[in-house]
């Protein structure tokens, strides 16, 4: 299949598969959301310079250490500061939004940055249950069973093809295809490709059955990666979007000038995740703060931190390259999306620069 839809990509340098970036606009101890968002811009520019294929941002809510609560807003800002890099959501949590609103937001983004936008969708709320209820005006918790219907509505809004007689047949997502018809057949820009995201078999099977590209959250569900990708490939049916499966995995990877420096950076992210999982979300601690926390942990919490770090690829640039190559070979992933949820502006930039250098990119 051609690369015109931006799904399939070519690896840069000596990377075995294309490399991309997932950013959470991490807010660290001693910093602000404004600084975190400025760092996201610089990271996107760095990714573009070094030949990373995509730069996605994630939707999370009520988490002090993450500033990417509004992907569409952040993506519009990133589009204004880049020129060739693909930008997208990793992802928009569809149960939090009306499908028409998402179609309008991403139609606007496509108009602002034609041919550079991806729409990655997840079915989780990206937050706790109480916050999820606050996000939804109905107050309902929602159900995984609702997701396929929401997805179908969203795609129909994007394509403007509700059948005659459907309650939404006279409703149009604008910007969108209806403008081309009203203008007398003038072609409108292609709509953003839709990706399904997940950390279990549900979205893997759904993406396969619909012939959509699939991104699996290896970075927080590593033990389910191989089974989910197998299910995706077994379920895959060719579509107008893809004639063969395309599976990307998100992976935590941190490079530094020494393995010990990388380990200290990774520890800050692990402690941040521990606090989140135990109902105490906060800013991402500095490596020194994280070490002080770890020194006081009980056995179960210490086990969580060790387990979390064991799924992260970290070390020097060359060590990270070896780890990523091995992961790509083991999973058969078609693309790797790297995330670095660590403290500090410079360490994050340095990490991506070292990984790019190890692969001869940019």
Protein backbone atom coordinates (compact mmCIF):
# COMPACT_ATOMS: atom_id res chain seq x y z
CA UNK A 1 0.00 0.00 0.00
CA UNK A 2 1.22 3.49 -0.70
CA UNK A 3 2.40 5.76 2.06
CA UNK A 4 -0.06 8.48 1.04
CA UNK A 5 -2.24 8.03 4.12
CA UNK A 6 0.75 8.47 6.43
CA UNK A 7 0.24 5.10 8.10
CA UNK A 8 3.06 3.10 6.63
CA UNK A 9 6.47 4.65 7.02
CA UNK A 10 10.06 4.00 6.11
CA UNK A 11 12.67 3.55 8.82
CA UNK A 12 15.29 6.28 8.98
CA UNK A 13 19.00 5.64 9.32
CA UNK A 14 19.72 2.11 10.52
CA UNK A 15 16.53 1.65 12.56
CA UNK A 16 14.87 -1.72 11.78
CA UNK A 17 11.41 -0.09 11.92
CA UNK A 18 10.22 3.54 11.89
CA UNK A 19 10.62 5.38 15.19
CA UNK A 20 8.09 7.86 16.58
CA UNK A 21 7.54 9.83 19.79
CA UNK A 22 4.75 9.84 22.40
CA UNK A 23 4.75 12.92 24.63
CA UNK A 24 2.78 13.51 27.83
CA UNK A 25 3.91 17.12 28.37
CA UNK A 26 5.46 15.94 31.64
CA UNK A 27 5.40 18.45 34.50
CA UNK A 28 8.27 17.84 36.89
CA UNK A 29 8.89 18.96 40.44
CA UNK A 30 10.04 22.60 40.42
CA UNK A 31 8.57 23.30 36.98
CA UNK A 32 5.25 24.54 35.57
CA UNK A 33 2.75 23.43 32.96
CA UNK A 34 3.83 26.36 30.79
CA UNK A 35 7.42 25.09 30.84
CA UNK A 36 6.25 21.55 30.09
CA UNK A 37 4.31 22.70 27.05
CA UNK A 38 7.27 24.71 25.77
CA UNK A 39 9.35 21.55 26.14
CA UNK A 40 6.79 19.66 24.05
CA UNK A 41 7.32 22.17 21.25
CA UNK A 42 11.08 21.76 21.46
CA UNK A 43 10.73 17.98 21.54
CA UNK A 44 8.56 18.06 18.43
CA UNK A 45 11.13 20.19 16.62
CA UNK A 46 13.88 17.81 17.73
CA UNK A 47 11.85 14.83 16.50
CA UNK A 48 11.33 16.54 13.14
CA UNK A 49 15.00 17.42 12.78
CA UNK A 50 16.15 13.87 13.53
CA UNK A 51 13.67 12.11 11.29
CA UNK A 52 11.23 10.56 13.76
CA UNK A 53 8.05 9.74 11.87
CA UNK A 54 5.24 10.81 14.23
CA UNK A 55 4.80 12.89 17.35
CA UNK A 56 1.69 12.02 19.34
CA UNK A 57 0.32 13.49 22.56
CA UNK A 58 -1.82 11.66 25.11
CA UNK A 59 -5.06 12.64 26.83
CA UNK A 60 -4.96 12.41 30.63
CA UNK A 61 -7.04 14.22 33.24
CA UNK A 62 -6.65 15.29 36.88
CA UNK A 63 -2.97 14.33 36.90
CA UNK A 64 -0.68 17.14 38.09
CA UNK A 65 2.37 15.63 36.38
CA UNK A 66 0.81 15.63 32.89
CA UNK A 67 -0.16 18.79 30.97
CA UNK A 68 -1.62 17.13 27.86
CA UNK A 69 -5.26 17.10 28.95
CA UNK A 70 -6.41 18.67 25.66
CA UNK A 71 -4.69 16.94 22.70
CA UNK A 72 -6.44 18.94 19.98
CA UNK A 73 -5.33 22.27 21.46
CA UNK A 74 -1.75 21.10 21.93
CA UNK A 75 -1.61 19.58 18.44
CA UNK A 76 -2.72 22.86 16.86
CA UNK A 77 0.14 24.62 18.65
CA UNK A 78 2.64 21.95 17.59
CA UNK A 79 1.44 22.17 13.99
CA UNK A 80 2.28 25.88 13.99
CA UNK A 81 5.84 25.12 15.08
CA UNK A 82 6.64 22.19 12.75
CA UNK A 83 6.37 21.66 9.01
CA UNK A 84 6.82 17.99 8.03
CA UNK A 85 6.36 15.93 11.20
CA UNK A 86 3.18 13.85 11.49
CA UNK A 87 1.20 14.88 14.56
CA UNK A 88 -1.52 12.97 16.34
CA UNK A 89 -3.33 11.82 19.42
CA UNK A 90 -2.10 8.87 21.40
CA UNK A 91 -4.85 9.11 22.03
CA UNK A 92 -8.16 10.89 22.26
CA UNK A 93 -10.23 8.96 24.81
CA UNK A 94 -13.42 8.68 22.78
CA UNK A 95 -15.83 7.90 25.67
CA UNK A 96 -15.04 11.37 27.07
CA UNK A 97 -16.26 13.17 23.94
CA UNK A 98 -19.15 13.38 21.52
CA UNK A 99 -18.00 11.86 18.19
CA UNK A 100 -19.12 15.00 16.31
CA UNK A 101 -16.87 17.18 18.47
CA UNK A 102 -13.85 14.96 17.79
CA UNK A 103 -14.61 14.99 14.05
CA UNK A 104 -14.77 18.80 14.08
CA UNK A 105 -11.56 19.17 16.10
CA UNK A 106 -9.55 16.85 13.87
CA UNK A 107 -11.11 18.24 10.71
CA UNK A 108 -9.83 21.62 11.88
CA UNK A 109 -6.37 20.17 12.56
CA UNK A 110 -6.32 18.55 9.11
CA UNK A 111 -7.18 21.92 7.57
CA UNK A 112 -4.37 23.58 9.53
CA UNK A 113 -1.77 20.90 8.72
CA UNK A 114 -2.96 18.96 5.65
CA UNK A 115 -1.66 15.41 5.41
CA UNK A 116 0.11 15.53 8.78
CA UNK A 117 -2.59 14.55 11.29
CA UNK A 118 -3.34 11.16 12.87
CA UNK A 119 -6.40 10.43 15.01
CA UNK A 120 -5.53 7.79 17.59
CA UNK A 121 -8.48 6.67 19.71
CA UNK A 122 -8.71 4.89 23.04
CA UNK A 123 -11.71 3.52 24.93
CA UNK A 124 -10.40 4.14 28.46
CA UNK A 125 -11.17 7.46 30.20
CA UNK A 126 -7.52 8.39 30.79
CA UNK A 127 -8.30 9.09 34.43
CA UNK A 128 -10.12 7.77 37.50
CA UNK A 129 -13.85 7.01 37.60
CA UNK A 130 -14.83 10.17 39.47
CA UNK A 131 -13.02 12.40 36.97
CA UNK A 132 -14.51 10.43 34.10
CA UNK A 133 -17.98 11.20 35.40
CA UNK A 134 -17.09 14.88 35.67
CA UNK A 135 -15.97 14.87 32.03
CA UNK A 136 -19.27 13.48 30.76
CA UNK A 137 -22.31 15.69 31.13
CA UNK A 138 -24.62 12.70 31.46
CA UNK A 139 -22.75 11.55 34.54
CA UNK A 140 -22.70 8.01 33.16
CA UNK A 141 -19.64 5.84 33.53
CA UNK A 142 -19.94 4.54 30.00
CA UNK A 143 -19.16 1.02 28.85
CA UNK A 144 -16.63 -0.69 26.62
CA UNK A 145 -19.64 -2.00 24.70
CA UNK A 146 -20.41 1.58 23.61
CA UNK A 147 -17.04 2.10 21.96
CA UNK A 148 -17.71 0.38 18.59
CA UNK A 149 -20.87 2.46 18.10
CA UNK A 150 -19.05 5.67 19.05
CA UNK A 151 -16.26 4.77 16.65
CA UNK A 152 -18.73 4.07 13.83
CA UNK A 153 -20.40 7.45 14.37
CA UNK A 154 -17.08 9.25 14.42
CA UNK A 155 -15.91 7.66 11.16
CA UNK A 156 -19.22 8.51 9.49
CA UNK A 157 -18.91 12.12 10.62
CA UNK A 158 -15.33 12.23 9.27
CA UNK A 159 -16.46 10.78 5.93
CA UNK A 160 -19.81 12.61 5.92
CA UNK A 161 -21.63 9.47 4.81
CA UNK A 162 -24.56 8.81 7.13
CA UNK A 163 -27.23 7.07 5.03
CA UNK A 164 -30.46 8.79 4.09
CA UNK A 165 -32.99 8.47 6.89
CA UNK A 166 -30.37 8.33 9.62
CA UNK A 167 -31.03 10.89 12.40
CA UNK A 168 -27.60 12.42 11.69
CA UNK A 169 -27.79 12.41 7.89
CA UNK A 170 -28.27 16.20 7.72
CA UNK A 171 -25.49 16.93 10.25
CA UNK A 172 -22.00 17.68 8.94
CA UNK A 173 -18.65 17.89 10.66
CA UNK A 174 -17.02 21.12 9.52
CA UNK A 175 -14.30 21.45 8.35
CA UNK A 176 -15.06 18.32 6.33
CA UNK A 177 -16.14 16.74 3.03
CA UNK A 178 -19.46 18.59 2.86
CA UNK A 179 -17.61 21.80 2.01
CA UNK A 180 -16.24 20.22 -1.17
CA UNK A 181 -19.71 19.21 -2.30
CA UNK A 182 -21.19 22.62 -1.54
CA UNK A 183 -18.35 24.20 -3.52
CA UNK A 184 -19.34 22.23 -6.61
CA UNK A 185 -17.22 19.14 -6.33
CA UNK A 186 -14.02 20.81 -5.18
CA UNK A 187 -11.89 18.19 -3.50
CA UNK A 188 -11.40 18.70 0.21
CA UNK A 189 -8.33 17.54 2.08
CA UNK A 190 -8.14 13.85 2.96
CA UNK A 191 -9.35 13.16 6.46
CA UNK A 192 -6.94 12.06 9.20
CA UNK A 193 -6.32 8.30 9.36
CA UNK A 194 -7.94 6.64 12.38
CA UNK A 195 -5.88 4.42 14.66
CA UNK A 196 -7.14 2.27 17.52
CA UNK A 197 -5.11 2.19 20.73
CA UNK A 198 -5.25 -0.37 23.49
CA UNK A 199 -3.61 -2.38 26.25
CA UNK A 200 -5.67 -5.56 25.90
CA UNK A 201 -7.25 -7.73 23.25
CA UNK A 202 -10.48 -5.72 22.82
CA UNK A 203 -9.13 -2.92 20.66
CA UNK A 204 -6.66 -5.28 18.97
CA UNK A 205 -9.47 -7.47 17.68
CA UNK A 206 -11.67 -4.51 16.76
CA UNK A 207 -8.84 -2.80 14.85
CA UNK A 208 -8.11 -6.03 12.99
CA UNK A 209 -11.73 -6.65 12.04
CA UNK A 210 -12.07 -3.09 10.71
CA UNK A 211 -8.73 -3.12 8.87
CA UNK A 212 -7.36 -0.20 10.88
CA UNK A 213 -3.81 0.41 12.15
CA UNK A 214 -3.30 -0.55 15.79
CA UNK A 215 -1.05 0.84 18.53
CA UNK A 216 -0.47 -1.24 21.66
CA UNK A 217 0.58 0.27 25.01
CA UNK A 218 3.59 -1.96 25.66
CA UNK A 219 4.94 0.68 28.04
CA UNK A 220 2.33 -0.16 30.67
CA UNK A 221 1.09 -3.59 29.64
CA UNK A 222 4.22 -5.36 28.42
CA UNK A 223 3.04 -8.87 29.23
CA UNK A 224 0.05 -8.51 26.93
CA UNK A 225 1.98 -7.17 23.94
CA UNK A 226 2.68 -10.36 21.99
CA UNK A 227 -0.79 -11.90 22.55
CA UNK A 228 -2.53 -8.65 21.57
CA UNK A 229 -0.48 -8.23 18.40
CA UNK A 230 -1.13 -11.86 17.48
CA UNK A 231 -4.86 -11.31 17.96
CA UNK A 232 -4.72 -8.16 15.84
CA UNK A 233 -3.00 -9.93 12.98
CA UNK A 234 -5.27 -12.98 13.15
CA UNK A 235 -8.35 -10.72 13.18
CA UNK A 236 -7.17 -8.44 10.39
CA UNK A 237 -9.37 -7.97 7.36
CA UNK A 238 -8.13 -5.82 4.44
CA UNK A 239 -9.89 -2.48 4.11
CA UNK A 240 -9.79 0.71 2.10
CA UNK A 241 -7.28 1.93 4.69
CA UNK A 242 -4.85 -0.99 4.84
CA UNK A 243 -4.33 -4.14 2.82
CA UNK A 244 -2.06 -5.62 5.50
CA UNK A 245 -1.86 -5.10 9.28
CA UNK A 246 0.23 -2.26 10.70
CA UNK A 247 1.06 -2.61 14.39
CA UNK A 248 2.89 0.01 16.41
CA UNK A 249 3.85 -0.36 20.06
CA UNK A 250 4.49 2.35 22.62
CA UNK A 251 7.67 1.71 24.58
CA UNK A 252 9.35 3.58 27.42
CA UNK A 253 12.96 4.23 26.43
CA UNK A 254 15.47 6.60 28.02
CA UNK A 255 19.03 7.23 26.88
CA UNK A 256 21.71 9.18 28.75
CA UNK A 257 25.49 9.55 28.64
CA UNK A 258 25.85 6.68 31.12
CA UNK A 259 23.67 3.76 32.18
CA UNK A 260 23.60 5.00 35.78
CA UNK A 261 22.40 8.44 34.70
CA UNK A 262 19.67 6.82 32.61
CA UNK A 263 18.66 4.60 35.54
CA UNK A 264 18.28 7.61 37.84
CA UNK A 265 16.11 9.36 35.24
CA UNK A 266 13.93 6.26 34.84
CA UNK A 267 13.54 5.97 38.63
CA UNK A 268 11.82 9.37 38.73
CA UNK A 269 9.18 8.15 36.28
CA UNK A 270 8.71 4.89 38.18
CA UNK A 271 8.07 6.72 41.47
CA UNK A 272 5.63 9.02 39.68
CA UNK A 273 3.73 5.97 38.41
CA UNK A 274 3.76 4.39 41.87
CA UNK A 275 2.14 7.49 43.32
CA UNK A 276 -0.47 7.47 40.55
CA UNK A 277 -1.31 3.80 41.04
CA UNK A 278 -1.69 4.29 44.79
CA UNK A 279 -4.04 7.26 44.43
CA UNK A 280 -1.47 9.99 45.11
CA UNK A 281 -0.75 11.57 41.71
CA UNK A 282 1.69 14.48 41.73
CA UNK A 283 4.48 16.18 39.82
CA UNK A 284 7.24 13.96 38.47
CA UNK A 285 9.98 13.96 41.14
CA UNK A 286 13.61 14.76 40.49
CA UNK A 287 15.98 11.77 40.50
CA UNK A 288 17.19 12.82 43.96
CA UNK A 289 13.65 13.06 45.30
CA UNK A 290 12.83 9.68 43.76
CA UNK A 291 15.84 8.04 45.42
CA UNK A 292 14.75 9.42 48.79
CA UNK A 293 11.25 8.00 48.27
CA UNK A 294 12.57 4.58 47.25
CA UNK A 295 14.73 4.40 50.37
CA UNK A 296 11.54 4.49 52.48
CA UNK A 297 9.41 2.06 50.45
CA UNK A 298 7.94 -1.14 51.81
CA UNK A 299 8.46 -4.49 50.03
CA UNK A 300 5.29 -4.34 47.87
CA UNK A 301 5.93 -0.79 46.68
CA UNK A 302 9.58 -1.58 46.01
CA UNK A 303 8.50 -4.59 43.96
CA UNK A 304 6.21 -2.36 41.90
CA UNK A 305 9.04 0.08 41.14
CA UNK A 306 11.42 -2.74 40.16
CA UNK A 307 8.78 -4.35 37.95
CA UNK A 308 7.94 -1.05 36.27
CA UNK A 309 11.58 -0.31 35.52
CA UNK A 310 12.17 -3.80 34.13
CA UNK A 311 9.92 -2.98 31.17
CA UNK A 312 11.79 0.22 30.30
CA UNK A 313 14.64 0.23 27.79
CA UNK A 314 17.36 2.46 29.24
CA UNK A 315 21.09 3.03 29.14
CA UNK A 316 23.47 4.72 26.72
CA UNK A 317 22.28 5.45 23.22
CA UNK A 318 23.84 2.23 21.93
CA UNK A 319 22.33 0.19 24.76
CA UNK A 320 18.88 1.62 24.05
CA UNK A 321 19.34 0.84 20.36
CA UNK A 322 20.13 -2.78 21.19
CA UNK A 323 17.10 -3.01 23.46
CA UNK A 324 14.74 -1.47 20.91
CA UNK A 325 16.05 -3.69 18.13
CA UNK A 326 15.49 -6.76 20.28
CA UNK A 327 11.96 -5.62 21.17
CA UNK A 328 11.07 -5.00 17.52
CA UNK A 329 12.36 -8.45 16.60
CA UNK A 330 10.54 -10.19 19.47
CA UNK A 331 7.17 -8.55 18.85
CA UNK A 332 7.30 -8.11 15.09
CA UNK A 333 6.13 -4.51 15.54
CA UNK A 334 5.99 -2.44 12.37
CA UNK A 335 6.78 0.80 14.24
CA UNK A 336 8.03 1.82 17.69
CA UNK A 337 6.69 4.89 19.50
CA UNK A 338 9.10 5.99 22.21
CA UNK A 339 8.02 7.77 25.37
CA UNK A 340 10.20 9.20 28.16
CA UNK A 341 8.18 10.11 31.24
CA UNK A 342 11.10 11.50 33.22
CA UNK A 343 11.98 14.69 35.06
CA UNK A 344 13.60 17.62 33.33
CA UNK A 345 13.74 19.46 30.04
CA UNK A 346 17.34 18.71 29.09
CA UNK A 347 17.34 14.98 29.98
CA UNK A 348 14.30 14.38 27.77
CA UNK A 349 15.77 16.25 24.81
CA UNK A 350 19.12 14.55 25.31
CA UNK A 351 17.47 11.13 25.39
CA UNK A 352 15.85 11.50 21.98
CA UNK A 353 19.00 13.03 20.51
CA UNK A 354 21.12 10.10 21.73
CA UNK A 355 18.65 7.54 20.38
CA UNK A 356 18.58 9.30 17.01
CA UNK A 357 22.38 9.42 16.95
CA UNK A 358 22.63 5.70 17.75
CA UNK A 359 20.49 4.98 14.68
CA UNK A 360 22.22 7.49 12.42
CA UNK A 361 19.06 9.58 12.11
CA UNK A 362 19.07 13.29 11.27
